[in-house]
N, C-alpha and C. Protein backbone atom coordinates (compact mmCIF):
# COMPACT_ATOMS: atom_id res chain seq x y z
N MET A 1 2.35 14.59 2.70
CA MET A 1 2.66 13.17 2.59
C MET A 1 3.98 12.98 1.84
N LYS A 2 3.96 13.15 0.50
CA LYS A 2 5.16 12.95 -0.30
C LYS A 2 5.31 14.09 -1.28
N ASN A 3 6.55 14.43 -1.58
CA ASN A 3 6.85 15.46 -2.56
C ASN A 3 7.65 14.85 -3.70
N PHE A 4 7.34 15.28 -4.92
CA PHE A 4 8.04 14.79 -6.10
C PHE A 4 8.41 15.98 -6.99
N LYS A 5 9.49 15.84 -7.74
CA LYS A 5 9.89 16.83 -8.73
C LYS A 5 9.92 16.15 -10.09
N PHE A 6 9.23 16.77 -11.06
CA PHE A 6 9.18 16.23 -12.42
C PHE A 6 9.70 17.28 -13.39
N ARG A 7 10.28 16.82 -14.47
CA ARG A 7 10.68 17.70 -15.56
C ARG A 7 10.08 17.10 -16.83
N ILE A 8 9.09 17.83 -17.41
CA ILE A 8 8.39 17.36 -18.60
C ILE A 8 8.49 18.45 -19.66
N HIS A 9 9.05 18.11 -20.83
CA HIS A 9 9.23 19.06 -21.94
C HIS A 9 9.87 20.36 -21.47
N GLU A 10 10.98 20.24 -20.73
CA GLU A 10 11.75 21.38 -20.23
C GLU A 10 11.00 22.22 -19.20
N ASN A 11 9.86 21.75 -18.68
CA ASN A 11 9.12 22.44 -17.63
C ASN A 11 9.27 21.68 -16.32
N ASN A 12 9.52 22.40 -15.24
CA ASN A 12 9.68 21.79 -13.92
C ASN A 12 8.35 21.81 -13.18
N TYR A 13 8.01 20.71 -12.53
CA TYR A 13 6.78 20.59 -11.75
C TYR A 13 7.13 20.04 -10.37
N ILE A 14 6.59 20.68 -9.34
CA ILE A 14 6.74 20.18 -7.97
C ILE A 14 5.36 19.67 -7.56
N VAL A 15 5.28 18.37 -7.29
CA VAL A 15 4.00 17.73 -6.97
C VAL A 15 4.05 17.27 -5.52
N LYS A 16 3.04 17.69 -4.77
CA LYS A 16 2.93 17.31 -3.36
C LYS A 16 1.63 16.52 -3.19
N ILE A 17 1.74 15.26 -2.78
CA ILE A 17 0.55 14.45 -2.54
C ILE A 17 0.07 14.75 -1.12
N ILE A 18 -1.15 15.24 -1.02
CA ILE A 18 -1.69 15.65 0.27
C ILE A 18 -2.42 14.49 0.95
N SER A 19 -3.28 13.78 0.21
CA SER A 19 -3.96 12.63 0.79
C SER A 19 -4.32 11.63 -0.30
N HIS A 20 -4.56 10.39 0.12
CA HIS A 20 -4.93 9.32 -0.80
C HIS A 20 -6.00 8.49 -0.10
N GLU A 21 -7.24 8.65 -0.51
CA GLU A 21 -8.37 7.92 0.07
C GLU A 21 -9.06 7.15 -1.04
N GLU A 22 -9.18 5.85 -0.87
CA GLU A 22 -9.81 4.99 -1.88
C GLU A 22 -9.21 5.27 -3.25
N ASP A 23 -10.02 5.81 -4.20
CA ASP A 23 -9.50 6.07 -5.54
C ASP A 23 -9.37 7.57 -5.82
N ILE A 24 -9.41 8.42 -4.78
CA ILE A 24 -9.27 9.87 -4.91
C ILE A 24 -7.93 10.30 -4.30
N ILE A 25 -7.16 11.06 -5.08
CA ILE A 25 -5.88 11.58 -4.61
C ILE A 25 -5.97 13.10 -4.63
N GLU A 26 -5.70 13.70 -3.46
CA GLU A 26 -5.63 15.16 -3.37
C GLU A 26 -4.15 15.52 -3.51
N LEU A 27 -3.85 16.39 -4.50
CA LEU A 27 -2.46 16.77 -4.69
C LEU A 27 -2.35 18.24 -5.07
N GLU A 28 -1.12 18.72 -5.01
CA GLU A 28 -0.82 20.11 -5.33
C GLU A 28 0.31 20.12 -6.33
N VAL A 29 0.11 20.81 -7.46
CA VAL A 29 1.14 20.91 -8.50
C VAL A 29 1.52 22.38 -8.64
N ASN A 30 2.78 22.70 -8.33
CA ASN A 30 3.29 24.08 -8.36
C ASN A 30 2.35 25.04 -7.65
N GLY A 31 1.80 24.63 -6.50
CA GLY A 31 0.97 25.50 -5.69
C GLY A 31 -0.52 25.44 -5.99
N THR A 32 -0.94 24.77 -7.06
CA THR A 32 -2.35 24.66 -7.41
C THR A 32 -2.88 23.30 -6.97
N SER A 33 -4.01 23.31 -6.23
CA SER A 33 -4.58 22.07 -5.70
C SER A 33 -5.43 21.37 -6.76
N TYR A 34 -5.37 20.03 -6.76
CA TYR A 34 -6.15 19.20 -7.68
C TYR A 34 -6.69 18.01 -6.91
N SER A 35 -7.86 17.54 -7.35
CA SER A 35 -8.43 16.30 -6.85
C SER A 35 -8.49 15.36 -8.04
N VAL A 36 -7.79 14.24 -7.94
CA VAL A 36 -7.66 13.32 -9.07
C VAL A 36 -8.32 12.00 -8.71
N LYS A 37 -9.17 11.51 -9.64
CA LYS A 37 -9.80 10.21 -9.44
C LYS A 37 -9.04 9.20 -10.29
N MET A 38 -8.58 8.12 -9.64
CA MET A 38 -7.83 7.08 -10.34
C MET A 38 -8.78 6.25 -11.18
N LYS A 39 -8.25 5.70 -12.27
CA LYS A 39 -9.01 4.83 -13.14
C LYS A 39 -9.40 3.56 -12.37
N GLU A 40 -10.60 3.06 -12.59
CA GLU A 40 -11.06 1.87 -11.90
C GLU A 40 -10.16 0.69 -12.22
N GLY A 41 -9.93 -0.17 -11.24
CA GLY A 41 -9.09 -1.35 -11.44
C GLY A 41 -7.63 -1.10 -11.09
N ASN A 42 -7.26 0.14 -10.79
CA ASN A 42 -5.88 0.48 -10.45
C ASN A 42 -5.71 0.78 -8.97
N VAL A 43 -6.69 0.45 -8.16
CA VAL A 43 -6.63 0.75 -6.74
C VAL A 43 -5.57 -0.14 -6.09
N ILE A 44 -4.62 0.49 -5.43
CA ILE A 44 -3.54 -0.24 -4.75
C ILE A 44 -3.96 -0.44 -3.30
N PRO A 45 -3.86 -1.67 -2.78
CA PRO A 45 -4.25 -1.89 -1.38
C PRO A 45 -3.36 -1.08 -0.44
N LYS A 46 -3.96 -0.59 0.66
CA LYS A 46 -3.22 0.22 1.62
C LYS A 46 -2.20 -0.60 2.40
N THR A 47 -2.53 -1.84 2.67
CA THR A 47 -1.63 -2.69 3.44
C THR A 47 -0.89 -3.64 2.49
N PRO A 48 0.44 -3.48 2.40
CA PRO A 48 1.17 -4.39 1.52
C PRO A 48 1.19 -5.80 2.09
N THR A 49 1.26 -6.76 1.22
CA THR A 49 1.35 -8.15 1.66
C THR A 49 2.78 -8.63 1.45
N MET A 50 3.26 -9.39 2.39
CA MET A 50 4.63 -9.90 2.32
C MET A 50 4.60 -11.37 1.94
N VAL A 51 5.41 -11.72 0.96
CA VAL A 51 5.50 -13.11 0.53
C VAL A 51 6.92 -13.56 0.84
N LEU A 52 7.04 -14.61 1.63
CA LEU A 52 8.35 -15.14 1.98
C LEU A 52 8.76 -16.23 1.00
N ALA A 53 9.97 -16.09 0.49
CA ALA A 53 10.49 -17.11 -0.41
C ALA A 53 11.05 -18.26 0.43
N LYS A 54 11.01 -19.45 -0.13
CA LYS A 54 11.57 -20.60 0.58
C LYS A 54 13.09 -20.45 0.65
N SER A 55 13.64 -20.89 1.75
CA SER A 55 15.08 -20.82 1.94
C SER A 55 15.77 -21.82 1.02
N ARG A 56 16.89 -21.40 0.46
CA ARG A 56 17.61 -22.29 -0.46
C ARG A 56 18.39 -23.37 0.28
N LYS A 57 18.89 -23.00 1.47
CA LYS A 57 19.63 -23.99 2.25
C LYS A 57 19.17 -23.92 3.70
N PRO A 58 19.26 -25.01 4.43
CA PRO A 58 18.81 -24.99 5.81
C PRO A 58 19.68 -24.06 6.66
N ILE A 59 19.07 -23.51 7.68
CA ILE A 59 19.79 -22.61 8.58
C ILE A 59 20.70 -23.45 9.47
N GLU A 60 21.97 -23.03 9.52
CA GLU A 60 22.93 -23.74 10.36
C GLU A 60 22.94 -23.09 11.73
N PRO A 61 23.07 -23.87 12.79
CA PRO A 61 23.11 -23.28 14.12
C PRO A 61 24.35 -22.40 14.27
N PHE A 62 24.21 -21.34 15.05
CA PHE A 62 25.30 -20.40 15.29
C PHE A 62 26.34 -21.07 16.17
N LYS A 63 27.57 -21.11 15.69
CA LYS A 63 28.65 -21.74 16.45
C LYS A 63 29.47 -20.64 17.12
N VAL A 64 29.59 -20.71 18.44
CA VAL A 64 30.34 -19.71 19.20
C VAL A 64 31.76 -20.19 19.34
N ASN A 65 32.68 -19.55 18.64
CA ASN A 65 34.11 -19.84 18.74
C ASN A 65 34.43 -21.33 18.64
N PRO A 66 34.11 -22.00 17.55
CA PRO A 66 34.44 -23.42 17.48
C PRO A 66 35.95 -23.62 17.54
N GLY A 67 36.40 -24.60 18.28
CA GLY A 67 37.82 -24.92 18.36
C GLY A 67 38.58 -24.06 19.35
N SER A 68 37.94 -23.14 20.03
CA SER A 68 38.62 -22.28 20.98
C SER A 68 38.40 -22.82 22.38
N GLY A 69 39.31 -22.52 23.29
CA GLY A 69 39.18 -22.96 24.67
C GLY A 69 38.17 -22.12 25.43
N LYS A 70 37.87 -20.90 24.92
CA LYS A 70 36.93 -20.01 25.58
C LYS A 70 35.64 -19.92 24.78
N THR A 71 34.56 -19.81 25.51
CA THR A 71 33.26 -19.58 24.88
C THR A 71 32.90 -18.14 25.13
N LYS A 72 32.57 -17.43 24.07
CA LYS A 72 32.21 -16.02 24.21
C LYS A 72 30.70 -15.90 24.08
N ILE A 73 30.08 -15.23 25.03
CA ILE A 73 28.65 -14.95 25.00
C ILE A 73 28.49 -13.54 24.43
N LEU A 74 27.85 -13.45 23.26
CA LEU A 74 27.67 -12.18 22.58
C LEU A 74 26.22 -11.73 22.70
N ALA A 75 25.99 -10.42 22.65
CA ALA A 75 24.63 -9.88 22.70
C ALA A 75 23.90 -10.26 21.42
N PRO A 76 22.75 -10.96 21.52
CA PRO A 76 22.03 -11.37 20.32
C PRO A 76 21.34 -10.19 19.63
N ILE A 77 20.98 -9.16 20.42
CA ILE A 77 20.32 -7.97 19.91
C ILE A 77 20.79 -6.77 20.74
N PRO A 78 20.67 -5.56 20.21
CA PRO A 78 21.05 -4.40 21.03
C PRO A 78 20.06 -4.20 22.17
N GLY A 79 20.54 -3.72 23.30
CA GLY A 79 19.66 -3.51 24.44
C GLY A 79 20.42 -2.99 25.65
N VAL A 80 19.77 -3.09 26.81
CA VAL A 80 20.34 -2.63 28.07
C VAL A 80 20.40 -3.81 29.04
N ILE A 81 21.55 -3.97 29.70
CA ILE A 81 21.72 -5.05 30.69
C ILE A 81 20.90 -4.68 31.92
N MET A 82 19.91 -5.50 32.26
CA MET A 82 19.06 -5.25 33.43
C MET A 82 19.68 -5.83 34.70
N SER A 83 20.19 -7.06 34.61
CA SER A 83 20.81 -7.68 35.78
C SER A 83 21.79 -8.74 35.32
N ILE A 84 22.79 -8.99 36.16
CA ILE A 84 23.78 -10.04 35.90
C ILE A 84 23.65 -11.04 37.03
N ASP A 85 23.42 -12.30 36.68
CA ASP A 85 23.12 -13.34 37.67
C ASP A 85 24.33 -14.20 38.03
N ILE A 86 25.51 -13.85 37.55
CA ILE A 86 26.70 -14.67 37.78
C ILE A 86 27.85 -13.76 38.20
N LYS A 87 28.96 -14.38 38.64
CA LYS A 87 30.19 -13.63 38.92
C LYS A 87 31.37 -14.46 38.45
N VAL A 88 32.51 -13.82 38.29
CA VAL A 88 33.71 -14.51 37.81
C VAL A 88 34.03 -15.66 38.75
N GLY A 89 34.29 -16.83 38.18
CA GLY A 89 34.62 -18.03 38.95
C GLY A 89 33.45 -18.97 39.15
N ASP A 90 32.22 -18.53 38.85
CA ASP A 90 31.04 -19.38 39.00
C ASP A 90 31.08 -20.53 38.00
N ALA A 91 30.67 -21.73 38.44
CA ALA A 91 30.51 -22.88 37.55
C ALA A 91 29.12 -22.79 36.93
N ILE A 92 29.05 -22.89 35.62
CA ILE A 92 27.80 -22.72 34.88
C ILE A 92 27.41 -24.04 34.24
N LYS A 93 26.11 -24.39 34.34
CA LYS A 93 25.59 -25.56 33.66
C LYS A 93 24.78 -25.10 32.45
N VAL A 94 24.51 -25.99 31.54
CA VAL A 94 23.69 -25.68 30.38
C VAL A 94 22.30 -25.24 30.86
N GLY A 95 21.81 -24.11 30.35
CA GLY A 95 20.50 -23.61 30.70
C GLY A 95 20.48 -22.62 31.85
N ASP A 96 21.63 -22.42 32.54
CA ASP A 96 21.68 -21.45 33.63
C ASP A 96 21.51 -20.04 33.06
N ARG A 97 20.73 -19.19 33.78
CA ARG A 97 20.55 -17.80 33.34
C ARG A 97 21.81 -17.02 33.70
N LEU A 98 22.37 -16.32 32.70
CA LEU A 98 23.57 -15.54 32.90
C LEU A 98 23.25 -14.09 33.21
N LEU A 99 22.32 -13.53 32.43
CA LEU A 99 21.93 -12.13 32.62
C LEU A 99 20.58 -11.87 31.98
N VAL A 100 20.03 -10.69 32.26
CA VAL A 100 18.77 -10.27 31.65
C VAL A 100 19.07 -9.05 30.78
N LEU A 101 18.66 -9.12 29.51
CA LEU A 101 18.89 -8.06 28.54
C LEU A 101 17.54 -7.49 28.13
N GLU A 102 17.34 -6.19 28.34
CA GLU A 102 16.09 -5.55 27.92
C GLU A 102 16.29 -5.00 26.51
N ALA A 103 15.41 -5.41 25.60
CA ALA A 103 15.46 -4.93 24.22
C ALA A 103 14.03 -4.70 23.75
N MET A 104 13.76 -3.58 23.18
CA MET A 104 12.43 -3.22 22.68
C MET A 104 11.37 -3.42 23.76
N LYS A 105 11.66 -2.96 24.97
CA LYS A 105 10.75 -3.00 26.12
C LYS A 105 10.39 -4.42 26.55
N MET A 106 11.23 -5.39 26.22
CA MET A 106 11.01 -6.77 26.65
C MET A 106 12.27 -7.26 27.35
N GLU A 107 12.08 -8.01 28.43
CA GLU A 107 13.21 -8.59 29.14
C GLU A 107 13.52 -9.96 28.55
N ASN A 108 14.78 -10.16 28.16
CA ASN A 108 15.22 -11.41 27.54
C ASN A 108 16.23 -12.09 28.45
N ASN A 109 15.95 -13.32 28.85
CA ASN A 109 16.90 -14.09 29.65
C ASN A 109 17.97 -14.65 28.73
N ILE A 110 19.22 -14.35 29.02
CA ILE A 110 20.34 -14.91 28.26
C ILE A 110 20.86 -16.08 29.08
N THR A 111 20.73 -17.29 28.51
CA THR A 111 21.11 -18.50 29.22
C THR A 111 22.33 -19.13 28.56
N SER A 112 22.99 -19.99 29.31
CA SER A 112 24.19 -20.66 28.82
C SER A 112 23.82 -21.86 27.96
N GLU A 113 24.49 -21.97 26.82
CA GLU A 113 24.28 -23.13 25.95
C GLU A 113 25.38 -24.16 26.14
N GLN A 114 26.38 -23.82 26.97
CA GLN A 114 27.48 -24.74 27.27
C GLN A 114 27.82 -24.64 28.75
N ALA A 115 28.32 -25.72 29.29
CA ALA A 115 28.79 -25.72 30.66
C ALA A 115 30.20 -25.14 30.69
N GLY A 116 30.58 -24.55 31.82
CA GLY A 116 31.92 -23.99 31.94
C GLY A 116 32.04 -23.15 33.19
N THR A 117 33.14 -22.42 33.28
CA THR A 117 33.39 -21.53 34.40
C THR A 117 33.50 -20.11 33.86
N VAL A 118 32.89 -19.16 34.55
CA VAL A 118 32.92 -17.77 34.12
C VAL A 118 34.34 -17.24 34.31
N SER A 119 34.98 -16.84 33.20
CA SER A 119 36.34 -16.32 33.29
C SER A 119 36.38 -14.80 33.20
N ALA A 120 35.36 -14.17 32.58
CA ALA A 120 35.34 -12.71 32.49
C ALA A 120 33.92 -12.23 32.22
N ILE A 121 33.58 -11.08 32.82
CA ILE A 121 32.31 -10.41 32.57
C ILE A 121 32.66 -9.02 32.04
N HIS A 122 32.23 -8.74 30.84
CA HIS A 122 32.61 -7.48 30.17
C HIS A 122 31.51 -6.42 30.21
N VAL A 123 30.42 -6.67 30.91
CA VAL A 123 29.31 -5.72 30.99
C VAL A 123 28.91 -5.52 32.45
N LYS A 124 28.11 -4.49 32.69
CA LYS A 124 27.58 -4.25 34.03
C LYS A 124 26.12 -3.85 33.91
N ALA A 125 25.38 -3.96 34.99
CA ALA A 125 23.95 -3.62 34.98
C ALA A 125 23.79 -2.15 34.59
N GLY A 126 22.81 -1.88 33.71
CA GLY A 126 22.55 -0.53 33.24
C GLY A 126 23.29 -0.15 31.97
N GLN A 127 24.23 -0.98 31.56
CA GLN A 127 25.04 -0.68 30.37
C GLN A 127 24.27 -1.02 29.10
N GLN A 128 24.41 -0.17 28.08
CA GLN A 128 23.84 -0.47 26.77
C GLN A 128 24.84 -1.30 25.98
N VAL A 129 24.33 -2.30 25.25
CA VAL A 129 25.18 -3.13 24.42
C VAL A 129 24.64 -3.14 22.99
N LEU A 130 25.54 -3.30 22.06
CA LEU A 130 25.16 -3.43 20.65
C LEU A 130 25.08 -4.90 20.29
N GLN A 131 24.43 -5.20 19.18
CA GLN A 131 24.36 -6.58 18.72
C GLN A 131 25.76 -7.11 18.47
N SER A 132 26.02 -8.33 18.89
CA SER A 132 27.30 -9.04 18.75
C SER A 132 28.40 -8.50 19.65
N GLU A 133 28.05 -7.66 20.62
CA GLU A 133 29.05 -7.16 21.56
C GLU A 133 29.36 -8.25 22.58
N LEU A 134 30.65 -8.42 22.92
CA LEU A 134 31.09 -9.44 23.88
C LEU A 134 30.58 -9.07 25.28
N MET A 135 29.87 -10.03 25.92
CA MET A 135 29.33 -9.78 27.26
C MET A 135 30.03 -10.63 28.31
N ILE A 136 30.19 -11.94 28.04
CA ILE A 136 30.72 -12.88 29.03
C ILE A 136 31.64 -13.88 28.35
N GLU A 137 32.68 -14.32 29.05
CA GLU A 137 33.55 -15.38 28.55
C GLU A 137 33.53 -16.54 29.53
N LEU A 138 33.42 -17.75 28.97
CA LEU A 138 33.46 -18.98 29.77
C LEU A 138 34.67 -19.82 29.35
N THR A 139 35.24 -20.55 30.30
CA THR A 139 36.32 -21.50 29.97
C THR A 139 35.89 -22.90 30.29
């Protein structure tokens, strides 16, 4: 499971935790096996609980190239391009599907959030993309 190195009073100890069941820990110290029972009331739950803190400020919507004549469509997550549903010169309306991106064994439809004309396609079907990689440009 886990290995630890300790130095106590100039003596070195190598501790290997073999298993942890309920309040019994099986471990090995410098090659000698031990079974240790934890003191009652110190049992740590096996499943950690996550507590989310409240956000200090509201989340602002992601702005794609504000003030630019071109809109850049970036990969929201890393994945593989499954299909491209547009070609250069196509007129795009809000909500039109541009391409399908497979990430973590799920197909994600990438749709247009702005109307425009496709000016460039920087990816092809089967290509792997990283997060924030430029995929499509609209004018």
